[in-house]
Amino acid sequence: MARDAINRRQFLQAAMAIAAVQRTGAQGADASEWGGPVLDIHLHLRSTPDGNINHMNGAGVAKAVLLAGVNAEAPAKAVEAAYPGRFVRFASIDVTQPDATERLRAAVKNGAVGFGEIKSQVQAAGPEMQRLYALAAELGVPITIHFQEVSQPGSQGTFNRGLKQFDAMLKAFPRTKFIGHADAFWANVSADYAEDTSYPKGPIKPGGATDRFLTEYPNLFADLSANSGNNFLTRDPDFAAGFLERHQDKLMFGSDCGCPDGRGGATGRCIARATLTALKKLASPAVFRKITWTNANGLL
């Protein structure tokens, strides 16, 4: 009863806020800035409905995957309904909850098109995650995984540990569409990553686990969002350019950005803009188009 009351209240609050936004009108994103429409694979549900669309419009993003916990389905669905064609949504949950698979199954039945981001303090190959991999394959939806081996102030703890051994999961669940994301995923592009820092600097040593897994396993894709994706693109631009060319059919742009307006207001930096700018410099127009639009649309 308490949970139902909370969900009804969340829905009513979201509906009232959306009505206010619709009365004032919403400007669409300017696709010409990036040479075509952009799809953001990693936009977390914001506290107000207009917060989501303001970031997208400011950054020049036409469409986004809205990441929302199963407890926030009502406001996420309300945002989708308010801006037709601008959003699809993924559902997430703490996988240690005993009813995690049942609630994710219900979320897909209710309109979610994927799982994510899944960020739990477990082993990536542990039984809790394996249950989700099997469910994602059964339902035919992708799963975005946050890989983190080093605790940091803004993300304390470690999550889905064991990226270097994750090829075992890629082999065991060939029908599951995995989307890799976060610190350990992008740091492990370099073969010398020692799991001692979140954002390693300097030249990349070829042969890292992430690079190898993307080459060897057709069911692994990559989300270039957040500081982790941006750090990879900028720490060794020559290597990154070759990587984008090599994996051009498996990479997807994402923001995972905290700025309010898609232009760096309040925070001083928009990760979405910084990453799109880096991609524009490093990739050919055809590859840029794949990473910012075609690949994510195909996967979804």
Protein backbone atom coordinates (compact mmCIF):
# COMPACT_ATOMS: atom_id res chain seq x y z
CA MET A 1 0.00 0.00 0.00
CA ALA A 2 2.79 2.45 0.91
CA ARG A 3 4.64 1.77 -2.35
CA ASP A 4 1.43 2.23 -4.37
CA ALA A 5 0.79 5.56 -2.64
CA ILE A 6 4.31 6.75 -3.39
CA ASN A 7 4.00 5.75 -7.07
CA ARG A 8 0.67 7.58 -7.41
CA ARG A 9 2.14 10.68 -5.82
CA GLN A 10 5.21 10.55 -8.09
CA PHE A 11 3.00 10.21 -11.14
CA LEU A 12 0.75 13.13 -10.18
CA GLN A 13 3.75 15.35 -9.45
CA ALA A 14 5.30 14.48 -12.79
CA ALA A 15 2.04 15.01 -14.66
CA MET A 16 1.54 18.46 -13.17
CA ALA A 17 5.08 19.50 -13.96
CA ILE A 18 4.81 18.25 -17.53
CA ALA A 19 1.56 20.14 -18.04
CA ALA A 20 3.35 23.33 -17.05
CA VAL A 21 6.17 22.64 -19.49
CA GLN A 22 3.74 21.91 -22.33
CA ARG A 23 1.91 25.18 -21.71
CA THR A 24 5.13 27.13 -22.17
CA GLY A 25 6.24 25.04 -25.17
CA ALA A 26 9.50 23.18 -25.78
CA GLN A 27 12.03 23.91 -28.47
CA GLY A 28 13.48 20.97 -30.39
CA ALA A 29 17.15 20.15 -30.60
CA ASP A 30 19.22 21.74 -33.34
CA ALA A 31 20.48 18.74 -35.32
CA SER A 32 22.48 20.93 -37.71
CA GLU A 33 25.06 21.64 -35.01
CA TRP A 34 26.36 18.06 -35.25
CA GLY A 35 25.52 17.49 -38.92
CA GLY A 36 22.51 15.31 -38.15
CA PRO A 37 20.41 13.98 -35.28
CA VAL A 38 22.10 12.63 -32.15
CA LEU A 39 20.87 9.84 -29.86
CA ASP A 40 22.04 9.87 -26.25
CA ILE A 41 22.21 6.28 -24.96
CA HIS A 42 22.69 7.34 -21.31
CA LEU A 43 20.46 10.07 -19.86
CA HIS A 44 19.47 9.67 -16.21
CA LEU A 45 15.95 10.70 -15.24
CA ARG A 46 16.09 14.21 -13.77
CA SER A 47 14.16 15.62 -10.85
CA THR A 48 11.85 17.65 -13.09
CA PRO A 49 10.45 16.71 -16.52
CA ASP A 50 11.80 19.82 -18.21
CA GLY A 51 15.28 19.03 -16.86
CA ASN A 52 15.59 16.11 -19.26
CA ILE A 53 14.53 17.98 -22.38
CA ASN A 54 16.49 21.13 -21.47
CA HIS A 55 19.74 19.16 -21.38
CA MET A 56 18.96 17.43 -24.66
CA ASN A 57 18.01 20.61 -26.51
CA GLY A 58 21.00 22.50 -25.15
CA ALA A 59 23.44 19.78 -26.19
CA GLY A 60 21.85 19.29 -29.61
CA VAL A 61 20.45 15.83 -28.86
CA ALA A 62 17.34 14.68 -30.71
CA LYS A 63 16.53 11.47 -28.82
CA ALA A 64 17.61 9.81 -25.58
CA VAL A 65 17.47 6.59 -23.64
CA LEU A 66 16.08 7.59 -20.27
CA LEU A 67 17.58 5.56 -17.43
CA ALA A 68 15.18 5.15 -14.50
CA GLY A 69 14.88 2.85 -11.54
CA VAL A 70 11.87 0.57 -11.35
CA ASN A 71 10.54 2.75 -8.52
CA ALA A 72 10.49 5.75 -10.88
CA GLU A 73 8.55 4.20 -13.75
CA ALA A 74 5.59 6.56 -13.42
CA PRO A 75 7.54 9.82 -13.86
CA ALA A 76 9.67 8.26 -16.60
CA LYS A 77 6.60 7.18 -18.54
CA ALA A 78 5.10 10.63 -18.07
CA VAL A 79 8.20 12.25 -19.62
CA GLU A 80 7.99 9.85 -22.58
CA ALA A 81 4.35 10.71 -23.11
CA ALA A 82 4.96 14.45 -22.90
CA TYR A 83 7.59 14.44 -25.66
CA PRO A 84 6.58 11.83 -28.25
CA GLY A 85 9.49 10.44 -30.22
CA ARG A 86 12.16 11.98 -27.98
CA PHE A 87 12.57 9.20 -25.41
CA VAL A 88 12.71 5.50 -24.86
CA ARG A 89 13.59 4.11 -21.46
CA PHE A 90 15.67 1.49 -19.68
CA ALA A 91 14.84 0.14 -16.23
CA SER A 92 17.31 -0.48 -13.40
CA ILE A 93 17.34 -2.09 -9.98
CA ASP A 94 19.75 -3.21 -7.29
CA VAL A 95 20.36 -6.79 -8.40
CA THR A 96 20.80 -7.99 -4.82
CA GLN A 97 17.06 -7.51 -4.23
CA PRO A 98 15.35 -10.92 -4.24
CA ASP A 99 12.64 -9.80 -6.67
CA ALA A 100 15.00 -8.02 -9.09
CA THR A 101 14.26 -10.21 -12.11
CA GLU A 102 10.51 -10.16 -11.56
CA ARG A 103 10.44 -6.38 -11.34
CA LEU A 104 12.60 -5.94 -14.42
CA ARG A 105 10.41 -8.34 -16.35
CA ALA A 106 7.40 -6.25 -15.32
CA ALA A 107 9.17 -3.04 -16.39
CA VAL A 108 9.74 -4.42 -19.91
CA LYS A 109 6.11 -5.49 -20.06
CA ASN A 110 5.29 -1.91 -19.07
CA GLY A 111 7.31 -0.39 -21.93
CA ALA A 112 11.01 -0.39 -20.99
CA VAL A 113 13.24 -1.43 -23.89
CA GLY A 114 16.35 -2.40 -21.92
CA PHE A 115 18.00 -2.82 -18.53
CA GLY A 116 20.32 -0.19 -17.13
CA GLU A 117 22.32 1.14 -16.00
CA ILE A 118 22.90 -1.82 -13.70
CA LYS A 119 25.20 -0.61 -10.95
CA SER A 120 25.41 -2.98 -8.00
CA GLN A 121 28.22 -3.94 -5.63
CA VAL A 122 28.63 -7.47 -6.94
CA GLN A 123 30.92 -9.46 -9.20
CA ALA A 124 30.11 -9.00 -12.89
CA ALA A 125 30.11 -12.79 -13.24
CA GLY A 126 28.23 -13.40 -9.99
CA PRO A 127 24.89 -15.23 -9.75
CA GLU A 128 22.89 -12.02 -9.29
CA MET A 129 24.12 -10.58 -12.60
CA GLN A 130 23.88 -13.89 -14.44
CA ARG A 131 20.16 -13.98 -13.69
CA LEU A 132 19.82 -10.60 -15.44
CA TYR A 133 21.91 -11.70 -18.42
CA ALA A 134 19.62 -14.69 -18.91
CA LEU A 135 16.51 -12.51 -18.58
CA ALA A 136 17.84 -9.93 -21.06
CA ALA A 137 18.42 -12.72 -23.59
CA GLU A 138 14.96 -14.16 -23.00
CA LEU A 139 13.25 -10.78 -23.46
CA GLY A 140 15.52 -9.65 -26.31
CA VAL A 141 16.60 -6.39 -24.63
CA PRO A 142 20.10 -4.92 -24.11
CA ILE A 143 21.69 -4.42 -20.69
CA THR A 144 23.98 -1.49 -19.79
CA ILE A 145 26.53 -2.41 -17.10
CA HIS A 146 28.55 -0.04 -14.92
CA PHE A 147 32.03 -1.56 -14.42
CA GLN A 148 34.04 0.05 -11.60
CA GLU A 149 37.08 -1.36 -9.80
CA VAL A 150 38.19 1.75 -7.86
CA SER A 151 36.11 3.72 -5.34
CA GLN A 152 35.88 7.47 -5.93
CA PRO A 153 34.21 10.38 -4.10
CA GLY A 154 31.28 10.68 -6.49
CA SER A 155 30.76 6.93 -6.81
CA GLN A 156 31.86 5.23 -3.63
CA GLY A 157 32.44 1.51 -3.72
CA THR A 158 33.13 -0.94 -6.53
CA PHE A 159 30.53 -2.22 -8.98
CA ASN A 160 30.32 -5.24 -11.27
CA ARG A 161 33.90 -6.17 -10.54
CA GLY A 162 36.00 -8.39 -12.77
CA LEU A 163 35.99 -6.79 -16.22
CA LYS A 164 39.21 -8.55 -17.22
CA GLN A 165 37.46 -11.91 -16.86
CA PHE A 166 34.16 -10.80 -18.40
CA ASP A 167 34.80 -12.72 -21.60
CA ALA A 168 33.48 -15.77 -19.72
CA MET A 169 30.06 -14.06 -19.55
CA LEU A 170 30.20 -12.99 -23.19
CA LYS A 171 30.76 -16.64 -24.11
CA ALA A 172 28.16 -18.02 -21.69
CA PHE A 173 25.39 -15.64 -22.84
CA PRO A 174 25.84 -15.22 -26.61
CA ARG A 175 22.24 -14.05 -27.10
CA THR A 176 22.56 -11.23 -24.55
CA LYS A 177 23.33 -7.77 -25.91
CA PHE A 178 25.80 -6.24 -23.42
CA ILE A 179 26.58 -2.50 -23.32
CA GLY A 180 29.80 -1.72 -21.43
CA HIS A 181 30.12 1.54 -19.51
CA ALA A 182 32.09 3.37 -16.81
CA ASP A 183 35.57 3.62 -15.35
CA ALA A 184 36.90 0.07 -15.53
CA PHE A 185 35.42 -0.54 -18.97
CA TRP A 186 37.21 2.41 -20.57
CA ALA A 187 40.40 2.18 -18.51
CA ASN A 188 40.78 -1.44 -19.65
CA VAL A 189 41.20 -0.37 -23.25
CA SER A 190 44.87 -0.16 -22.24
CA ALA A 191 46.67 -3.45 -21.54
CA ASP A 192 48.58 -1.92 -18.63
CA TYR A 193 45.58 -0.85 -16.54
CA ALA A 194 46.40 -1.81 -12.94
CA GLU A 195 43.02 -1.00 -11.35
CA ASP A 196 44.61 1.73 -9.26
CA THR A 197 42.86 4.82 -10.63
CA SER A 198 39.54 5.71 -12.21
CA TYR A 199 40.84 7.89 -15.04
CA PRO A 200 44.32 6.82 -16.18
CA LYS A 201 46.33 9.29 -18.24
CA GLY A 202 48.95 9.00 -20.95
CA PRO A 203 49.46 6.72 -23.94
CA ILE A 204 47.34 3.59 -24.27
CA LYS A 205 49.10 0.23 -24.50
CA PRO A 206 47.44 -1.93 -27.18
CA GLY A 207 45.88 -5.24 -26.27
CA GLY A 208 43.59 -4.21 -23.40
CA ALA A 209 40.64 -6.35 -22.40
CA THR A 210 37.97 -3.92 -23.64
CA ASP A 211 39.54 -3.65 -27.09
CA ARG A 212 39.93 -7.43 -27.37
CA PHE A 213 36.41 -8.19 -26.19
CA LEU A 214 34.85 -5.74 -28.65
CA THR A 215 36.83 -7.41 -31.43
CA GLU A 216 36.08 -10.99 -30.46
CA TYR A 217 32.46 -10.92 -29.25
CA PRO A 218 29.61 -9.71 -31.46
CA ASN A 219 27.30 -9.35 -28.44
CA LEU A 220 29.36 -6.61 -26.74
CA PHE A 221 28.70 -2.93 -27.42
CA ALA A 222 30.06 0.21 -25.76
CA ASP A 223 28.60 3.38 -24.23
CA LEU A 224 31.00 6.36 -24.56
CA SER A 225 29.35 8.44 -21.85
CA ALA A 226 30.59 10.16 -18.69
CA ASN A 227 34.09 11.28 -17.71
CA SER A 228 35.31 7.73 -18.29
CA GLY A 229 34.40 7.68 -21.98
CA ASN A 230 35.64 11.24 -22.46
CA ASN A 231 38.92 10.44 -20.69
CA PHE A 232 39.50 7.52 -23.05
CA LEU A 233 38.91 9.69 -26.12
CA THR A 234 41.26 12.46 -24.98
CA ARG A 235 44.15 10.68 -23.21
CA ASP A 236 45.63 9.24 -26.44
CA PRO A 237 43.87 10.77 -29.47
CA ASP A 238 45.84 8.80 -32.07
CA PHE A 239 44.91 5.48 -30.48
CA ALA A 240 41.31 6.63 -29.95
CA ALA A 241 40.92 7.55 -33.63
CA GLY A 242 41.98 4.04 -34.66
CA PHE A 243 39.73 2.49 -32.03
CA LEU A 244 36.69 4.42 -33.30
CA GLU A 245 37.41 3.28 -36.84
CA ARG A 246 37.98 -0.33 -35.76
CA HIS A 247 34.82 -0.61 -33.65
CA GLN A 248 32.65 1.85 -35.55
CA ASP A 249 29.65 -0.51 -35.62
CA LYS A 250 29.63 -1.17 -31.85
CA LEU A 251 30.13 2.24 -30.22
CA MET A 252 27.38 4.60 -29.04
CA PHE A 253 27.41 8.17 -27.79
CA GLY A 254 26.04 8.83 -24.32
CA SER A 255 26.08 11.80 -21.97
CA ASP A 256 25.70 10.72 -18.31
CA CYS A 257 26.13 14.45 -17.72
CA GLY A 258 25.10 16.45 -14.67
CA CYS A 259 24.94 19.93 -16.19
CA PRO A 260 21.42 21.41 -16.26
CA ASP A 261 21.27 22.93 -19.72
CA GLY A 262 23.47 20.96 -22.14
CA ARG A 263 25.92 23.86 -22.23
CA GLY A 264 27.81 23.51 -18.96
CA GLY A 265 25.71 25.89 -16.93
CA ALA A 266 26.28 25.68 -13.16
CA THR A 267 28.89 22.92 -13.52
CA GLY A 268 31.16 24.75 -15.98
CA ARG A 269 31.37 21.76 -18.31
CA CYS A 270 28.95 19.69 -20.32
CA ILE A 271 30.28 16.15 -20.75
CA ALA A 272 27.87 15.59 -23.63
CA ARG A 273 29.26 18.53 -25.60
CA ALA A 274 32.86 17.67 -24.73
CA THR A 275 32.43 14.10 -25.93
CA LEU A 276 30.57 15.05 -29.12
CA THR A 277 33.31 17.58 -29.88
CA ALA A 278 36.02 14.95 -29.34
CA LEU A 279 34.20 12.44 -31.53
CA LYS A 280 33.78 15.05 -34.26
CA LYS A 281 37.55 15.62 -34.31
CA LEU A 282 38.58 11.97 -34.15
CA ALA A 283 36.05 10.24 -36.42
CA SER A 284 35.17 10.57 -40.08
CA PRO A 285 31.68 11.97 -40.78
CA ALA A 286 30.41 8.47 -41.61
CA VAL A 287 31.79 6.96 -38.40
CA PHE A 288 30.53 9.92 -36.34
CA ARG A 289 27.06 9.34 -37.74
CA LYS A 290 27.16 5.67 -36.75
CA ILE A 291 28.32 6.39 -33.20
CA THR A 292 25.88 9.23 -32.57
CA TRP A 293 22.79 7.81 -34.25
CA THR A 294 22.79 4.66 -36.37
CA ASN A 295 24.26 2.11 -33.95
CA ALA A 296 21.99 2.88 -31.01
CA ASN A 297 18.90 2.96 -33.20
CA GLY A 298 19.83 -0.40 -34.65
CA LEU A 299 20.47 -1.95 -31.24
CA LEU A 300 17.20 -0.65 -29.81
